[in-house]
Amino acid sequence: MGEKKIDVMGVPWDEKSTFMRGCADAPDKIWNALFSESTNPWAEKGENLSNGKRIFYQGNMNLSSGDSVVGEIQEQASSLMAKDTLPIFLGGDHAVTYPLVRALSHVFPNLNILHFDAHPDLYDTFEGDKYSHACPFARIMEEKRVERLVSVGIRSMTQHLKQQKERFGVEMIDMSRFDPWMTLSFDGPVYLSLDLDVLDPAFAPGVSHHEPGGLTTRELIRVIQSFRGQLVGADIVEYNPYRDVQNVTAMVASKLLKEIAARFLS
């Protein structure tokens, strides 16, 4: 492979959201914010992410409805990765991560996940739905799709979720133990799954589930920039533009997209 290039693809699916819909309309808004005239396409460490230079938007997946969408997402993600590209996916709610990881795990059988979230998303089922956005990591772990799952920023646990954490051996860094100067290390490839509600609502009001007490934007960027491991794919999920305030969260999401892309290129 010559010069590294990044393909960004929208996954406009939020049927599995349990409280509020709206995330299906997020991908284009995040991409457009990346090229807002209020900023520029350069990442913090000097990578130029001008549109059509190193990063390309492939538009949104064509999806139907119902549980069959899980297979549709996996198939279209696999087709994208067959191009030998560096993929970043824009959700959609967190339910999209399960089929995305299924697709990537066929390419990288020793995959690890670095997961940023206010919630573990480890429910066995939620409201009778095993594909709920509250369940993707239970599906991933029970199918043994990854070597390690490291979840950062957790601050909303139930007894069931604690049991699931122990059952699957999830490494959890909750907010009570979070150290902004920590450096996470991974052997092997890493998939980064970023739920925007990992951030305190003061920094990202445009999410469906406000969980006070979260990360600052700078703390999150620092972990993204500093973790050790080979980044091979990523998603940014749970942006709800209908709860946003003057596009603040869209700009935050685009900033995180920029810094994740820079990790690919560094």
C-alpha atoms as a PDB file:
ATOM      1  CA  MET A   1       0.000   0.000   0.000  1.00  0.00           C
ATOM      2  CA  GLY A   2       1.346   3.425  -0.924  1.00  0.00           C
ATOM      3  CA  GLU A   3       0.367   6.621   0.825  1.00  0.00           C
ATOM      4  CA  LYS A   4      -2.234   5.858   3.439  1.00  0.00           C
ATOM      5  CA  LYS A   5      -5.766   7.016   2.673  1.00  0.00           C
ATOM      6  CA  ILE A   6      -8.830   7.058   4.868  1.00  0.00           C
ATOM      7  CA  ASP A   7     -12.364   6.236   3.768  1.00  0.00           C
ATOM      8  CA  VAL A   8     -15.180   7.607   5.905  1.00  0.00           C
ATOM      9  CA  MET A   9     -18.623   6.022   5.595  1.00  0.00           C
ATOM     10  CA  GLY A  10     -21.911   6.912   7.255  1.00  0.00           C
ATOM     11  CA  VAL A  11     -24.005   4.247   8.967  1.00  0.00           C
ATOM     12  CA  PRO A  12     -27.387   6.003   9.271  1.00  0.00           C
ATOM     13  CA  TRP A  13     -29.206   3.591  11.571  1.00  0.00           C
ATOM     14  CA  ASP A  14     -30.855   4.407  14.891  1.00  0.00           C
ATOM     15  CA  GLU A  15     -33.755   1.949  15.070  1.00  0.00           C
ATOM     16  CA  LYS A  16     -32.120   0.336  18.090  1.00  0.00           C
ATOM     17  CA  SER A  17     -32.050   3.528  20.157  1.00  0.00           C
ATOM     18  CA  THR A  18     -34.025   3.053  23.371  1.00  0.00           C
ATOM     19  CA  PHE A  19     -34.743   6.620  24.482  1.00  0.00           C
ATOM     20  CA  MET A  20     -34.616   8.988  21.552  1.00  0.00           C
ATOM     21  CA  ARG A  21     -34.124   8.673  17.798  1.00  0.00           C
ATOM     22  CA  GLY A  22     -32.146  11.096  15.647  1.00  0.00           C
ATOM     23  CA  CYS A  23     -28.648   9.621  15.311  1.00  0.00           C
ATOM     24  CA  ALA A  24     -29.422   8.345  11.816  1.00  0.00           C
ATOM     25  CA  ASP A  25     -29.152  11.933  10.598  1.00  0.00           C
ATOM     26  CA  ALA A  26     -25.694  12.466  12.088  1.00  0.00           C
ATOM     27  CA  PRO A  27     -23.118  11.276   9.503  1.00  0.00           C
ATOM     28  CA  ASP A  28     -23.449  14.065   6.936  1.00  0.00           C
ATOM     29  CA  LYS A  29     -23.563  16.704   9.673  1.00  0.00           C
ATOM     30  CA  ILE A  30     -20.297  15.457  11.195  1.00  0.00           C
ATOM     31  CA  TRP A  31     -18.599  15.340   7.803  1.00  0.00           C
ATOM     32  CA  ASN A  32     -19.791  18.842   6.880  1.00  0.00           C
ATOM     33  CA  ALA A  33     -18.552  20.186  10.223  1.00  0.00           C
ATOM     34  CA  LEU A  34     -15.090  18.814   9.441  1.00  0.00           C
ATOM     35  CA  PHE A  35     -14.840  21.354   6.614  1.00  0.00           C
ATOM     36  CA  SER A  36     -16.561  24.255   8.317  1.00  0.00           C
ATOM     37  CA  GLU A  37     -15.164  27.651   7.344  1.00  0.00           C
ATOM     38  CA  SER A  38     -14.739  28.340  11.067  1.00  0.00           C
ATOM     39  CA  THR A  39     -11.758  25.969  11.239  1.00  0.00           C
ATOM     40  CA  ASN A  40      -9.230  24.236   8.986  1.00  0.00           C
ATOM     41  CA  PRO A  41      -8.490  20.611   8.036  1.00  0.00           C
ATOM     42  CA  TRP A  42      -5.125  20.325   9.827  1.00  0.00           C
ATOM     43  CA  ALA A  43      -4.824  17.968  12.793  1.00  0.00           C
ATOM     44  CA  GLU A  44      -2.908  18.957  15.891  1.00  0.00           C
ATOM     45  CA  LYS A  45       0.298  17.115  14.984  1.00  0.00           C
ATOM     46  CA  GLY A  46       0.496  18.493  11.470  1.00  0.00           C
ATOM     47  CA  GLU A  47      -1.483  16.114   9.236  1.00  0.00           C
ATOM     48  CA  ASN A  48      -3.369  17.832   6.413  1.00  0.00           C
ATOM     49  CA  LEU A  49      -6.797  16.230   6.114  1.00  0.00           C
ATOM     50  CA  SER A  50      -8.091  18.256   3.204  1.00  0.00           C
ATOM     51  CA  ASN A  51     -11.062  16.646   1.486  1.00  0.00           C
ATOM     52  CA  GLY A  52      -9.912  14.430  -1.379  1.00  0.00           C
ATOM     53  CA  LYS A  53      -6.253  14.579  -0.318  1.00  0.00           C
ATOM     54  CA  ARG A  54      -5.886  11.961   2.421  1.00  0.00           C
ATOM     55  CA  ILE A  55      -9.482  11.466   3.556  1.00  0.00           C
ATOM     56  CA  PHE A  56     -12.513  10.596   1.426  1.00  0.00           C
ATOM     57  CA  TYR A  57     -16.229  10.461   2.208  1.00  0.00           C
ATOM     58  CA  GLN A  58     -17.999   7.472   0.691  1.00  0.00           C
ATOM     59  CA  GLY A  59     -21.447   8.702   1.711  1.00  0.00           C
ATOM     60  CA  ASN A  60     -23.980   6.700   3.687  1.00  0.00           C
ATOM     61  CA  MET A  61     -24.630   2.983   3.591  1.00  0.00           C
ATOM     62  CA  ASN A  62     -27.856   1.992   1.874  1.00  0.00           C
ATOM     63  CA  LEU A  63     -29.851   0.316   4.645  1.00  0.00           C
ATOM     64  CA  SER A  64     -33.372  -1.076   4.951  1.00  0.00           C
ATOM     65  CA  SER A  65     -34.952  -1.643   8.370  1.00  0.00           C
ATOM     66  CA  GLY A  66     -35.295  -4.273  11.062  1.00  0.00           C
ATOM     67  CA  ASP A  67     -32.778  -6.829  12.291  1.00  0.00           C
ATOM     68  CA  SER A  68     -31.667  -7.587   8.723  1.00  0.00           C
ATOM     69  CA  VAL A  69     -29.774  -4.282   8.821  1.00  0.00           C
ATOM     70  CA  VAL A  70     -27.143  -5.964  11.022  1.00  0.00           C
ATOM     71  CA  GLY A  71     -26.139  -8.144   8.085  1.00  0.00           C
ATOM     72  CA  GLU A  72     -26.367  -5.250   5.635  1.00  0.00           C
ATOM     73  CA  ILE A  73     -23.944  -3.170   7.703  1.00  0.00           C
ATOM     74  CA  GLN A  74     -21.488  -6.051   7.974  1.00  0.00           C
ATOM     75  CA  GLU A  75     -21.624  -6.699   4.225  1.00  0.00           C
ATOM     76  CA  GLN A  76     -21.106  -3.063   3.229  1.00  0.00           C
ATOM     77  CA  ALA A  77     -18.321  -2.583   5.776  1.00  0.00           C
ATOM     78  CA  SER A  78     -16.591  -5.679   4.399  1.00  0.00           C
ATOM     79  CA  SER A  79     -16.841  -4.288   0.872  1.00  0.00           C
ATOM     80  CA  LEU A  80     -15.242  -1.030   1.997  1.00  0.00           C
ATOM     81  CA  MET A  81     -12.389  -2.804   3.766  1.00  0.00           C
ATOM     82  CA  ALA A  82     -11.737  -4.972   0.712  1.00  0.00           C
ATOM     83  CA  LYS A  83     -10.343  -1.799  -0.885  1.00  0.00           C
ATOM     84  CA  ASP A  84      -7.377  -1.995   1.510  1.00  0.00           C
ATOM     85  CA  THR A  85      -8.341   1.311   3.064  1.00  0.00           C
ATOM     86  CA  LEU A  86      -8.312   2.766   6.574  1.00  0.00           C
ATOM     87  CA  PRO A  87     -12.003   2.897   7.592  1.00  0.00           C
ATOM     88  CA  ILE A  88     -13.822   5.312   9.898  1.00  0.00           C
ATOM     89  CA  PHE A  89     -17.569   4.877  10.307  1.00  0.00           C
ATOM     90  CA  LEU A  90     -19.988   7.593  11.421  1.00  0.00           C
ATOM     91  CA  GLY A  91     -23.153   6.376  13.181  1.00  0.00           C
ATOM     92  CA  GLY A  92     -25.910   6.036  13.874  1.00  0.00           C
ATOM     93  CA  ASP A  93     -26.390   4.662  17.374  1.00  0.00           C
ATOM     94  CA  HIS A  94     -24.022   2.228  19.073  1.00  0.00           C
ATOM     95  CA  ALA A  95     -25.858  -0.807  17.681  1.00  0.00           C
ATOM     96  CA  VAL A  96     -23.838  -0.324  14.475  1.00  0.00           C
ATOM     97  CA  THR A  97     -20.593  -1.312  16.205  1.00  0.00           C
ATOM     98  CA  TYR A  98     -21.488  -5.007  16.453  1.00  0.00           C
ATOM     99  CA  PRO A  99     -21.712  -5.640  12.679  1.00  0.00           C
ATOM    100  CA  LEU A 100     -18.760  -3.319  12.018  1.00  0.00           C
ATOM    101  CA  VAL A 101     -16.556  -5.327  14.387  1.00  0.00           C
ATOM    102  CA  ARG A 102     -17.817  -8.574  12.884  1.00  0.00           C
ATOM    103  CA  ALA A 103     -16.610  -7.349   9.494  1.00  0.00           C
ATOM    104  CA  LEU A 104     -13.242  -6.185  10.787  1.00  0.00           C
ATOM    105  CA  SER A 105     -12.636  -9.332  12.832  1.00  0.00           C
ATOM    106  CA  HIS A 106     -12.497 -11.390   9.635  1.00  0.00           C
ATOM    107  CA  VAL A 107      -9.553  -9.257   8.508  1.00  0.00           C
ATOM    108  CA  PHE A 108      -7.916  -8.990  11.946  1.00  0.00           C
ATOM    109  CA  PRO A 109      -8.609 -12.162  13.972  1.00  0.00           C
ATOM    110  CA  ASN A 110      -6.565 -10.847  16.931  1.00  0.00           C
ATOM    111  CA  LEU A 111      -8.477  -7.568  17.169  1.00  0.00           C
ATOM    112  CA  ASN A 112      -8.675  -5.411  20.302  1.00  0.00           C
ATOM    113  CA  ILE A 113     -11.286  -2.747  21.069  1.00  0.00           C
ATOM    114  CA  LEU A 114     -10.701   0.599  22.751  1.00  0.00           C
ATOM    115  CA  HIS A 115     -14.189   1.708  23.741  1.00  0.00           C
ATOM    116  CA  PHE A 116     -15.093   5.204  24.986  1.00  0.00           C
ATOM    117  CA  ASP A 117     -18.547   5.499  26.546  1.00  0.00           C
ATOM    118  CA  ALA A 118     -20.574   6.552  29.559  1.00  0.00           C
ATOM    119  CA  HIS A 119     -22.256   3.125  29.412  1.00  0.00           C
ATOM    120  CA  PRO A 120     -20.782  -0.395  29.086  1.00  0.00           C
ATOM    121  CA  ASP A 121     -23.339  -1.456  26.430  1.00  0.00           C
ATOM    122  CA  LEU A 122     -23.029  -5.016  27.717  1.00  0.00           C
ATOM    123  CA  TYR A 123     -26.684  -5.898  28.355  1.00  0.00           C
ATOM    124  CA  ASP A 124     -27.522  -9.429  27.326  1.00  0.00           C
ATOM    125  CA  THR A 125     -30.779  -8.034  25.962  1.00  0.00           C
ATOM    126  CA  PHE A 126     -32.481  -4.702  26.514  1.00  0.00           C
ATOM    127  CA  GLU A 127     -36.262  -4.363  26.347  1.00  0.00           C
ATOM    128  CA  GLY A 128     -36.288  -7.769  24.660  1.00  0.00           C
ATOM    129  CA  ASP A 129     -33.880  -6.772  21.885  1.00  0.00           C
ATOM    130  CA  LYS A 130     -30.498  -8.464  21.633  1.00  0.00           C
ATOM    131  CA  TYR A 131     -29.402  -5.951  18.963  1.00  0.00           C
ATOM    132  CA  SER A 132     -30.224  -2.869  21.056  1.00  0.00           C
ATOM    133  CA  HIS A 133     -27.651  -0.095  21.226  1.00  0.00           C
ATOM    134  CA  ALA A 134     -27.292  -1.157  24.864  1.00  0.00           C
ATOM    135  CA  CYS A 135     -26.027  -4.621  23.805  1.00  0.00           C
ATOM    136  CA  PRO A 136     -23.337  -4.495  21.068  1.00  0.00           C
ATOM    137  CA  PHE A 137     -20.396  -5.478  23.236  1.00  0.00           C
ATOM    138  CA  ALA A 138     -22.250  -8.452  24.714  1.00  0.00           C
ATOM    139  CA  ARG A 139     -22.720  -9.770  21.181  1.00  0.00           C
ATOM    140  CA  ILE A 140     -19.086  -9.090  20.291  1.00  0.00           C
ATOM    141  CA  MET A 141     -17.720 -10.755  23.414  1.00  0.00           C
ATOM    142  CA  GLU A 142     -19.966 -13.820  23.368  1.00  0.00           C
ATOM    143  CA  GLU A 143     -18.863 -14.487  19.785  1.00  0.00           C
ATOM    144  CA  LYS A 144     -15.209 -14.037  20.840  1.00  0.00           C
ATOM    145  CA  ARG A 145     -14.639 -11.463  18.143  1.00  0.00           C
ATOM    146  CA  VAL A 146     -11.826  -9.690  19.996  1.00  0.00           C
ATOM    147  CA  GLU A 147      -8.859 -10.419  22.225  1.00  0.00           C
ATOM    148  CA  ARG A 148      -9.447  -7.505  24.611  1.00  0.00           C
ATOM    149  CA  LEU A 149     -12.191  -4.989  25.276  1.00  0.00           C
ATOM    150  CA  VAL A 150     -11.049  -1.907  27.202  1.00  0.00           C
ATOM    151  CA  SER A 151     -13.885   0.479  28.110  1.00  0.00           C
ATOM    152  CA  VAL A 152     -13.026   4.010  29.234  1.00  0.00           C
ATOM    153  CA  GLY A 153     -15.236   6.644  30.843  1.00  0.00           C
ATOM    154  CA  ILE A 154     -17.944   4.351  32.242  1.00  0.00           C
ATOM    155  CA  ARG A 155     -20.189   5.950  34.851  1.00  0.00           C
ATOM    156  CA  SER A 156     -23.556   4.205  34.576  1.00  0.00           C
ATOM    157  CA  MET A 157     -23.492   0.613  35.843  1.00  0.00           C
ATOM    158  CA  THR A 158     -26.183  -1.814  36.991  1.00  0.00           C
ATOM    159  CA  GLN A 159     -25.732  -5.111  38.812  1.00  0.00           C
ATOM    160  CA  HIS A 160     -26.401  -6.995  35.575  1.00  0.00           C
ATOM    161  CA  LEU A 161     -23.725  -4.984  33.782  1.00  0.00           C
ATOM    162  CA  LYS A 162     -21.236  -5.710  36.568  1.00  0.00           C
ATOM    163  CA  GLN A 163     -21.944  -9.412  36.122  1.00  0.00           C
ATOM    164  CA  GLN A 164     -21.489  -9.104  32.360  1.00  0.00           C
ATOM    165  CA  LYS A 165     -18.186  -7.305  32.879  1.00  0.00           C
ATOM    166  CA  GLU A 166     -16.922 -10.226  34.969  1.00  0.00           C
ATOM    167  CA  ARG A 167     -18.369 -12.814  32.614  1.00  0.00           C
ATOM    168  CA  PHE A 168     -16.534 -11.417  29.594  1.00  0.00           C
ATOM    169  CA  GLY A 169     -13.382 -10.162  31.320  1.00  0.00           C
ATOM    170  CA  VAL A 170     -13.894  -6.581  30.192  1.00  0.00           C
ATOM    171  CA  GLU A 171     -11.185  -4.160  31.325  1.00  0.00           C
ATOM    172  CA  MET A 172     -13.098  -1.146  32.569  1.00  0.00           C
ATOM    173  CA  ILE A 173     -11.689   2.260  33.466  1.00  0.00           C
ATOM    174  CA  ASP A 174     -14.638   4.051  34.998  1.00  0.00           C
ATOM    175  CA  MET A 175     -14.652   7.777  35.669  1.00  0.00           C
ATOM    176  CA  SER A 176     -13.877   7.340  39.364  1.00  0.00           C
ATOM    177  CA  ARG A 177     -10.515   5.816  38.362  1.00  0.00           C
ATOM    178  CA  PHE A 178      -9.808   7.741  35.164  1.00  0.00           C
ATOM    179  CA  ASP A 179      -6.347   9.303  34.918  1.00  0.00           C
ATOM    180  CA  PRO A 180      -6.025  11.757  32.009  1.00  0.00           C
ATOM    181  CA  TRP A 181      -2.290  11.053  31.814  1.00  0.00           C
ATOM    182  CA  MET A 182      -2.597   7.300  31.528  1.00  0.00           C
ATOM    183  CA  THR A 183      -1.190   5.528  28.474  1.00  0.00           C
ATOM    184  CA  LEU A 184      -3.053   2.455  27.282  1.00  0.00           C
ATOM    185  CA  SER A 185      -1.093  -0.241  25.454  1.00  0.00           C
ATOM    186  CA  PHE A 186      -2.313  -2.935  23.072  1.00  0.00           C
ATOM    187  CA  ASP A 187      -0.562  -5.824  21.374  1.00  0.00           C
ATOM    188  CA  GLY A 188      -2.004  -6.201  17.928  1.00  0.00           C
ATOM    189  CA  PRO A 189      -4.586  -4.221  15.957  1.00  0.00           C
ATOM    190  CA  VAL A 190      -7.030  -1.844  17.653  1.00  0.00           C
ATOM    191  CA  TYR A 191     -10.569  -0.834  16.741  1.00  0.00           C
ATOM    192  CA  LEU A 192     -11.638   2.433  18.388  1.00  0.00           C
ATOM    193  CA  SER A 193     -15.343   2.792  19.179  1.00  0.00           C
ATOM    194  CA  LEU A 194     -16.298   6.261  20.369  1.00  0.00           C
ATOM    195  CA  ASP A 195     -19.703   7.028  21.864  1.00  0.00           C
ATOM    196  CA  LEU A 196     -19.897  10.799  22.195  1.00  0.00           C
ATOM    197  CA  ASP A 197     -21.684  10.537  25.531  1.00  0.00           C
ATOM    198  CA  VAL A 198     -18.324   9.582  27.056  1.00  0.00           C
ATOM    199  CA  LEU A 199     -17.872  13.351  27.163  1.00  0.00           C
ATOM    200  CA  ASP A 200     -19.487  15.410  29.873  1.00  0.00           C
ATOM    201  CA  PRO A 201     -22.682  16.981  28.459  1.00  0.00           C
ATOM    202  CA  ALA A 202     -21.064  20.388  28.917  1.00  0.00           C
ATOM    203  CA  PHE A 203     -18.761  19.476  26.007  1.00  0.00           C
ATOM    204  CA  ALA A 204     -21.212  17.402  23.945  1.00  0.00           C
ATOM    205  CA  PRO A 205     -24.853  18.326  24.565  1.00  0.00           C
ATOM    206  CA  GLY A 206     -25.966  16.743  21.284  1.00  0.00           C
ATOM    207  CA  VAL A 207     -26.395  13.188  22.554  1.00  0.00           C
ATOM    208  CA  SER A 208     -29.553  11.342  23.542  1.00  0.00           C
ATOM    209  CA  HIS A 209     -28.301  10.157  26.938  1.00  0.00           C
ATOM    210  CA  HIS A 210     -26.824  12.935  29.070  1.00  0.00           C
ATOM    211  CA  GLU A 211     -24.551  11.463  31.766  1.00  0.00           C
ATOM    212  CA  PRO A 212     -22.876  14.215  33.811  1.00  0.00           C
ATOM    213  CA  GLY A 213     -19.379  13.713  35.140  1.00  0.00           C
ATOM    214  CA  GLY A 214     -17.671  12.627  31.943  1.00  0.00           C
ATOM    215  CA  LEU A 215     -14.435  13.368  30.122  1.00  0.00           C
ATOM    216  CA  THR A 216     -13.443  16.742  28.786  1.00  0.00           C
ATOM    217  CA  THR A 217     -12.734  17.010  25.091  1.00  0.00           C
ATOM    218  CA  ARG A 218      -9.028  17.544  25.808  1.00  0.00           C
ATOM    219  CA  GLU A 219      -8.826  14.459  28.036  1.00  0.00           C
ATOM    220  CA  LEU A 220     -10.387  12.329  25.323  1.00  0.00           C
ATOM    221  CA  ILE A 221      -8.072  13.687  22.628  1.00  0.00           C
ATOM    222  CA  ARG A 222      -5.058  13.020  24.842  1.00  0.00           C
ATOM    223  CA  VAL A 223      -5.970   9.332  25.210  1.00  0.00           C
ATOM    224  CA  ILE A 224      -6.629   8.998  21.471  1.00  0.00           C
ATOM    225  CA  GLN A 225      -3.274  10.562  20.644  1.00  0.00           C
ATOM    226  CA  SER A 226      -1.262   8.630  23.227  1.00  0.00           C
ATOM    227  CA  PHE A 227      -2.499   5.027  23.299  1.00  0.00           C
ATOM    228  CA  ARG A 228      -0.039   2.450  22.012  1.00  0.00           C
ATOM    229  CA  GLY A 229      -1.222   0.075  19.339  1.00  0.00           C
ATOM    230  CA  GLN A 230      -1.980  -0.214  15.625  1.00  0.00           C
ATOM    231  CA  LEU A 231      -5.247   1.540  14.835  1.00  0.00           C
ATOM    232  CA  VAL A 232      -7.068  -0.342  12.055  1.00  0.00           C
ATOM    233  CA  GLY A 233     -10.623   1.015  12.237  1.00  0.00           C
ATOM    234  CA  ALA A 234     -12.916   3.310  14.172  1.00  0.00           C
ATOM    235  CA  ASP A 235     -16.447   4.495  14.645  1.00  0.00           C
ATOM    236  CA  ILE A 236     -17.990   7.655  16.104  1.00  0.00           C
ATOM    237  CA  VAL A 237     -21.560   7.089  17.260  1.00  0.00           C
ATOM    238  CA  GLU A 238     -24.538   8.506  19.164  1.00  0.00           C
ATOM    239  CA  TYR A 239     -24.417  12.098  17.906  1.00  0.00           C
ATOM    240  CA  ASN A 240     -27.999  13.326  17.971  1.00  0.00           C
ATOM    241  CA  PRO A 241     -28.203  16.611  16.015  1.00  0.00           C
ATOM    242  CA  TYR A 242     -31.704  17.296  17.374  1.00  0.00           C
ATOM    243  CA  ARG A 243     -30.292  17.777  20.875  1.00  0.00           C
ATOM    244  CA  ASP A 244     -27.306  19.831  19.770  1.00  0.00           C
ATOM    245  CA  VAL A 245     -26.748  23.482  20.693  1.00  0.00           C
ATOM    246  CA  GLN A 246     -25.493  25.707  17.843  1.00  0.00           C
ATOM    247  CA  ASN A 247     -23.665  22.723  16.290  1.00  0.00           C
ATOM    248  CA  VAL A 248     -21.265  22.494  19.248  1.00  0.00           C
ATOM    249  CA  THR A 249     -21.356  18.678  19.297  1.00  0.00           C
ATOM    250  CA  ALA A 250     -21.026  18.439  15.520  1.00  0.00           C
ATOM    251  CA  MET A 251     -17.811  20.430  15.766  1.00  0.00           C
ATOM    252  CA  VAL A 252     -16.581  18.270  18.648  1.00  0.00           C
ATOM    253  CA  ALA A 253     -17.339  15.118  16.638  1.00  0.00           C
ATOM    254  CA  SER A 254     -15.518  16.493  13.606  1.00  0.00           C
ATOM    255  CA  LYS A 255     -12.517  17.416  15.771  1.00  0.00           C
ATOM    256  CA  LEU A 256     -12.396  13.852  17.105  1.00  0.00           C
ATOM    257  CA  LEU A 257     -12.758  12.499  13.565  1.00  0.00           C
ATOM    258  CA  LYS A 258      -9.766  14.651  12.580  1.00  0.00           C
ATOM    259  CA  GLU A 259      -7.594  13.402  15.436  1.00  0.00           C
ATOM    260  CA  ILE A 260      -8.562   9.757  14.896  1.00  0.00           C
ATOM    261  CA  ALA A 261      -7.703  10.138  11.211  1.00  0.00           C
ATOM    262  CA  ALA A 262      -4.369  11.670  12.198  1.00  0.00           C
ATOM    263  CA  ARG A 263      -3.604   8.568  14.273  1.00  0.00           C
ATOM    264  CA  PHE A 264      -4.055   6.480  11.136  1.00  0.00           C
ATOM    265  CA  LEU A 265      -1.637   8.654   9.196  1.00  0.00           C
ATOM    266  CA  SER A 266       1.060   9.093  11.821  1.00  0.00           C
END
